């Protein structure tokens, strides 16, 4: 990230390695459970957010403002449209029922 530190964590482990042998120490990557990808990745894996320059909390793509926006869209646009469609279908059904009784 152009020399900017995103986060730091000190890691230490006591391991015994016999002479002329080698050992392995696994250290998990930064926020590995969130499946981040390199920000210049040309493939762009869907569902994997990119590392971005800035504070680590700014890297989260599905933050609270996004969730609030989706909730507002759902409440003020999608639900009223669904309600109108349901009412139109109900009125048509009632009209057909009355028409069939009159005939």
N, C-alpha and C. Protein backbone atom coordinates (compact mmCIF):
# COMPACT_ATOMS: atom_id res chain seq x y z
N UNK A 1 0.83 -1.18 0.00
CA UNK A 1 0.00 0.00 0.00
C UNK A 1 0.87 1.25 0.00
N UNK A 2 1.78 1.30 -0.91
CA UNK A 2 2.67 2.45 -1.07
C UNK A 2 3.45 2.78 0.19
N UNK A 3 3.85 1.76 0.95
CA UNK A 3 4.65 1.97 2.14
C UNK A 3 3.86 2.33 3.38
N UNK A 4 2.53 2.39 3.30
CA UNK A 4 1.70 2.70 4.46
C UNK A 4 1.33 1.42 5.20
N UNK A 5 1.51 1.43 6.50
CA UNK A 5 1.19 0.27 7.32
C UNK A 5 -0.32 0.23 7.54
N UNK A 6 -0.95 -0.90 7.23
CA UNK A 6 -2.38 -1.05 7.45
C UNK A 6 -2.69 -1.48 8.88
N UNK A 7 -1.88 -2.38 9.40
CA UNK A 7 -2.10 -2.91 10.74
C UNK A 7 -0.83 -3.60 11.18
N UNK A 8 -0.64 -3.72 12.48
CA UNK A 8 0.53 -4.43 12.99
C UNK A 8 0.10 -5.39 14.07
N UNK A 9 0.89 -6.43 14.23
CA UNK A 9 0.64 -7.43 15.26
C UNK A 9 1.97 -8.11 15.57
N UNK A 10 2.34 -8.16 16.85
CA UNK A 10 3.57 -8.84 17.23
C UNK A 10 3.28 -10.32 17.41
N UNK A 11 4.14 -11.14 16.83
CA UNK A 11 3.98 -12.59 16.90
C UNK A 11 5.27 -13.19 17.39
N UNK A 12 5.17 -14.11 18.34
CA UNK A 12 6.35 -14.83 18.79
C UNK A 12 5.95 -16.27 19.11
N UNK A 13 6.89 -17.15 18.94
CA UNK A 13 6.63 -18.56 19.21
C UNK A 13 7.94 -19.25 19.59
N UNK A 14 7.85 -20.14 20.52
CA UNK A 14 9.02 -20.91 20.94
C UNK A 14 8.96 -22.26 20.22
N UNK A 15 9.92 -22.48 19.33
CA UNK A 15 9.96 -23.75 18.61
C UNK A 15 11.37 -24.33 18.74
N UNK A 16 11.44 -25.63 18.78
CA UNK A 16 12.73 -26.33 18.86
C UNK A 16 13.07 -26.89 17.48
N UNK A 17 14.23 -26.48 16.98
CA UNK A 17 14.70 -26.98 15.69
C UNK A 17 16.04 -27.64 15.92
N UNK A 18 16.13 -28.90 15.56
CA UNK A 18 17.38 -29.63 15.71
C UNK A 18 18.39 -29.11 14.69
N UNK A 19 19.69 -29.19 15.01
CA UNK A 19 20.72 -28.72 14.07
C UNK A 19 20.56 -29.37 12.69
N UNK A 20 20.76 -28.58 11.68
CA UNK A 20 20.66 -28.98 10.28
C UNK A 20 19.26 -29.45 9.89
N UNK A 21 18.29 -29.05 10.65
CA UNK A 21 16.89 -29.34 10.32
C UNK A 21 16.20 -28.00 10.07
N UNK A 22 14.99 -28.04 9.66
CA UNK A 22 14.25 -26.80 9.46
C UNK A 22 12.89 -26.92 10.12
N UNK A 23 12.29 -25.80 10.40
CA UNK A 23 10.98 -25.77 11.04
C UNK A 23 10.05 -24.84 10.27
N UNK A 24 8.82 -24.86 10.69
CA UNK A 24 7.82 -24.05 10.01
C UNK A 24 6.97 -23.34 11.05
N UNK A 25 6.70 -22.08 10.81
CA UNK A 25 5.85 -21.29 11.69
C UNK A 25 4.78 -20.65 10.82
N UNK A 26 3.52 -20.96 11.09
CA UNK A 26 2.43 -20.39 10.30
C UNK A 26 1.87 -19.17 11.02
N UNK A 27 1.84 -18.06 10.30
CA UNK A 27 1.29 -16.81 10.83
C UNK A 27 0.15 -16.41 9.90
N UNK A 28 -1.05 -16.27 10.44
CA UNK A 28 -2.18 -15.91 9.56
C UNK A 28 -2.01 -14.50 8.99
N UNK A 29 -2.49 -14.31 7.77
CA UNK A 29 -2.40 -13.01 7.10
C UNK A 29 -3.36 -12.01 7.74
N UNK A 30 -3.16 -10.76 7.42
CA UNK A 30 -3.99 -9.67 7.91
C UNK A 30 -5.45 -9.93 7.59
N UNK A 31 -6.32 -9.99 8.59
CA UNK A 31 -7.76 -10.19 8.45
C UNK A 31 -8.07 -11.32 7.48
N UNK A 32 -7.36 -12.45 7.65
CA UNK A 32 -7.47 -13.57 6.73
C UNK A 32 -8.88 -14.14 6.64
N UNK A 33 -9.67 -14.06 7.70
CA UNK A 33 -11.01 -14.63 7.68
C UNK A 33 -11.99 -13.81 6.85
N UNK A 34 -11.58 -12.62 6.39
CA UNK A 34 -12.44 -11.78 5.56
C UNK A 34 -12.12 -11.95 4.07
N UNK A 35 -11.14 -12.76 3.74
CA UNK A 35 -10.80 -13.13 2.36
C UNK A 35 -10.52 -11.93 1.46
N UNK A 36 -9.64 -11.05 1.93
CA UNK A 36 -9.25 -9.89 1.13
C UNK A 36 -8.37 -10.31 -0.04
N UNK A 37 -8.35 -9.49 -1.07
CA UNK A 37 -7.47 -9.71 -2.21
C UNK A 37 -6.68 -8.43 -2.48
N UNK A 38 -5.60 -8.56 -3.23
CA UNK A 38 -4.75 -7.42 -3.56
C UNK A 38 -5.55 -6.42 -4.39
N UNK A 39 -5.44 -5.13 -4.08
CA UNK A 39 -6.30 -4.12 -4.70
C UNK A 39 -6.07 -3.94 -6.19
N UNK A 40 -4.93 -4.40 -6.71
CA UNK A 40 -4.66 -4.27 -8.15
C UNK A 40 -4.87 -5.61 -8.86
N UNK A 41 -5.55 -6.53 -8.22
CA UNK A 41 -5.82 -7.84 -8.81
C UNK A 41 -6.71 -7.65 -10.03
N UNK A 42 -6.22 -8.00 -11.21
CA UNK A 42 -6.98 -7.78 -12.44
C UNK A 42 -8.15 -8.75 -12.56
N UNK A 43 -8.05 -9.92 -11.92
CA UNK A 43 -9.13 -10.90 -12.01
C UNK A 43 -10.35 -10.47 -11.20
N UNK A 44 -10.11 -9.86 -10.03
CA UNK A 44 -11.19 -9.39 -9.18
C UNK A 44 -12.13 -10.51 -8.75
N UNK A 45 -11.79 -11.22 -7.71
CA UNK A 45 -12.60 -12.34 -7.23
C UNK A 45 -13.87 -11.78 -6.60
N UNK A 46 -15.03 -12.21 -7.10
CA UNK A 46 -16.32 -11.72 -6.60
C UNK A 46 -16.50 -12.14 -5.15
N UNK A 47 -16.94 -11.21 -4.32
CA UNK A 47 -17.18 -11.50 -2.91
C UNK A 47 -15.95 -11.33 -2.03
N UNK A 48 -14.80 -11.03 -2.63
CA UNK A 48 -13.58 -10.81 -1.87
C UNK A 48 -13.22 -9.33 -1.96
N UNK A 49 -13.36 -8.58 -0.86
CA UNK A 49 -13.05 -7.15 -0.92
C UNK A 49 -11.57 -6.90 -1.14
N UNK A 50 -11.25 -5.74 -1.69
CA UNK A 50 -9.86 -5.36 -1.94
C UNK A 50 -9.28 -4.64 -0.74
N UNK A 51 -7.97 -4.84 -0.52
CA UNK A 51 -7.26 -3.99 0.43
C UNK A 51 -7.30 -2.59 -0.15
N UNK A 52 -7.54 -1.60 0.67
CA UNK A 52 -7.54 -0.22 0.21
C UNK A 52 -6.60 0.58 1.08
N UNK A 53 -6.06 1.63 0.50
CA UNK A 53 -5.17 2.51 1.26
C UNK A 53 -6.00 3.25 2.29
N UNK A 54 -5.56 3.27 3.51
CA UNK A 54 -6.28 3.97 4.55
C UNK A 54 -6.39 3.12 5.81
N UNK A 55 -7.26 3.55 6.68
CA UNK A 55 -7.48 2.86 7.95
C UNK A 55 -8.13 1.51 7.70
N UNK A 56 -7.77 0.45 8.46
CA UNK A 56 -8.33 -0.88 8.22
C UNK A 56 -9.86 -0.92 8.23
N UNK A 57 -10.52 -0.12 9.06
CA UNK A 57 -11.98 -0.14 9.08
C UNK A 57 -12.57 0.37 7.77
N UNK A 58 -11.81 1.18 7.02
CA UNK A 58 -12.29 1.68 5.74
C UNK A 58 -12.24 0.60 4.66
N UNK A 59 -11.60 -0.52 4.94
CA UNK A 59 -11.47 -1.58 3.96
C UNK A 59 -12.75 -2.41 3.84
N UNK A 60 -13.61 -2.35 4.82
CA UNK A 60 -14.82 -3.16 4.81
C UNK A 60 -15.80 -2.56 3.82
N UNK A 61 -16.20 -3.34 2.82
CA UNK A 61 -17.09 -2.84 1.78
C UNK A 61 -18.55 -2.87 2.22
N UNK A 62 -18.94 -3.81 3.07
CA UNK A 62 -20.32 -3.91 3.53
C UNK A 62 -20.41 -3.33 4.93
N UNK A 63 -20.19 -2.02 5.03
CA UNK A 63 -20.27 -1.35 6.32
C UNK A 63 -21.70 -0.98 6.66
N UNK A 64 -21.88 -0.37 7.81
CA UNK A 64 -23.20 0.03 8.30
C UNK A 64 -23.92 0.97 7.32
N UNK A 65 -23.25 1.98 6.73
CA UNK A 65 -23.98 2.85 5.79
C UNK A 65 -24.58 2.08 4.61
N UNK A 66 -23.88 1.08 4.11
CA UNK A 66 -24.40 0.28 3.00
C UNK A 66 -25.63 -0.50 3.42
N UNK A 67 -25.58 -1.10 4.59
CA UNK A 67 -26.71 -1.88 5.08
C UNK A 67 -27.92 -0.98 5.33
N UNK A 68 -27.70 0.21 5.89
CA UNK A 68 -28.79 1.16 6.13
C UNK A 68 -29.40 1.60 4.78
N UNK A 69 -28.55 1.85 3.80
CA UNK A 69 -29.04 2.25 2.47
C UNK A 69 -29.92 1.16 1.87
N UNK A 70 -29.49 -0.09 1.96
CA UNK A 70 -30.27 -1.21 1.43
C UNK A 70 -31.60 -1.32 2.17
N UNK A 71 -31.58 -1.14 3.49
CA UNK A 71 -32.82 -1.21 4.27
C UNK A 71 -33.79 -0.10 3.86
N UNK A 72 -33.28 1.11 3.64
CA UNK A 72 -34.14 2.23 3.23
C UNK A 72 -34.74 1.97 1.86
N UNK A 73 -33.93 1.50 0.93
CA UNK A 73 -34.43 1.18 -0.41
C UNK A 73 -35.53 0.12 -0.31
N UNK A 74 -35.31 -0.90 0.50
CA UNK A 74 -36.29 -1.97 0.65
C UNK A 74 -37.59 -1.43 1.22
N UNK A 75 -37.52 -0.64 2.27
CA UNK A 75 -38.72 -0.15 2.96
C UNK A 75 -39.49 0.85 2.11
N UNK A 76 -38.80 1.78 1.47
CA UNK A 76 -39.48 2.86 0.77
C UNK A 76 -39.75 2.62 -0.72
N UNK A 77 -39.14 1.62 -1.32
CA UNK A 77 -39.37 1.39 -2.74
C UNK A 77 -39.92 -0.01 -3.01
N UNK A 78 -39.22 -1.04 -2.58
CA UNK A 78 -39.61 -2.40 -2.92
C UNK A 78 -40.91 -2.82 -2.23
N UNK A 79 -41.06 -2.55 -0.94
CA UNK A 79 -42.28 -2.95 -0.23
C UNK A 79 -43.52 -2.24 -0.76
N UNK A 80 -43.50 -0.92 -1.00
CA UNK A 80 -44.69 -0.29 -1.58
C UNK A 80 -45.07 -0.84 -2.94
N UNK A 81 -44.08 -1.12 -3.79
CA UNK A 81 -44.37 -1.69 -5.11
C UNK A 81 -45.01 -3.06 -4.96
N UNK A 82 -44.47 -3.88 -4.06
CA UNK A 82 -45.04 -5.20 -3.83
C UNK A 82 -46.46 -5.09 -3.28
N UNK A 83 -46.71 -4.13 -2.40
CA UNK A 83 -48.04 -3.91 -1.84
C UNK A 83 -49.03 -3.50 -2.93
N UNK A 84 -48.63 -2.59 -3.81
CA UNK A 84 -49.51 -2.14 -4.90
C UNK A 84 -49.84 -3.29 -5.83
N UNK A 85 -48.84 -4.08 -6.20
CA UNK A 85 -49.07 -5.23 -7.09
C UNK A 85 -50.03 -6.21 -6.42
N UNK A 86 -49.83 -6.47 -5.13
CA UNK A 86 -50.72 -7.38 -4.41
C UNK A 86 -52.14 -6.87 -4.35
N UNK A 87 -52.31 -5.56 -4.11
CA UNK A 87 -53.66 -4.99 -4.05
C UNK A 87 -54.35 -5.03 -5.42
N UNK A 88 -53.62 -4.74 -6.50
CA UNK A 88 -54.19 -4.81 -7.85
C UNK A 88 -54.66 -6.22 -8.15
N UNK A 89 -53.84 -7.22 -7.80
CA UNK A 89 -54.24 -8.61 -8.04
C UNK A 89 -55.47 -8.98 -7.22
N UNK A 90 -55.55 -8.50 -5.98
CA UNK A 90 -56.69 -8.78 -5.11
C UNK A 90 -57.96 -8.15 -5.68
N UNK A 91 -57.88 -6.90 -6.13
CA UNK A 91 -59.04 -6.22 -6.72
C UNK A 91 -59.51 -6.96 -7.97
N UNK A 92 -58.57 -7.37 -8.82
CA UNK A 92 -58.94 -8.12 -10.03
C UNK A 92 -59.61 -9.44 -9.68
N UNK A 93 -59.13 -10.10 -8.66
CA UNK A 93 -59.72 -11.37 -8.24
C UNK A 93 -61.15 -11.15 -7.74
N UNK A 94 -61.36 -10.09 -6.96
CA UNK A 94 -62.70 -9.78 -6.44
C UNK A 94 -63.64 -9.43 -7.60
N UNK A 95 -63.14 -8.65 -8.58
CA UNK A 95 -63.96 -8.29 -9.75
C UNK A 95 -64.37 -9.54 -10.52
N UNK A 96 -63.44 -10.46 -10.72
CA UNK A 96 -63.75 -11.70 -11.45
C UNK A 96 -64.77 -12.53 -10.68
N UNK A 97 -64.65 -12.56 -9.38
CA UNK A 97 -65.56 -13.33 -8.54
C UNK A 97 -66.99 -12.74 -8.64
N UNK A 98 -67.11 -11.39 -8.57
CA UNK A 98 -68.41 -10.73 -8.68
C UNK A 98 -69.00 -10.96 -10.07
N UNK A 99 -68.13 -10.86 -11.08
CA UNK A 99 -68.60 -11.04 -12.46
C UNK A 99 -69.13 -12.45 -12.67
N UNK A 100 -68.47 -13.46 -12.11
CA UNK A 100 -68.91 -14.84 -12.29
C UNK A 100 -70.20 -15.10 -11.50
N UNK A 101 -70.43 -14.42 -10.39
CA UNK A 101 -71.68 -14.57 -9.63
C UNK A 101 -72.84 -13.93 -10.37
N UNK A 102 -72.59 -12.79 -11.05
CA UNK A 102 -73.65 -12.09 -11.77
C UNK A 102 -74.06 -12.84 -13.04
N UNK A 103 -73.20 -13.63 -13.61
CA UNK A 103 -73.52 -14.37 -14.85
C UNK A 103 -74.14 -15.65 -14.52
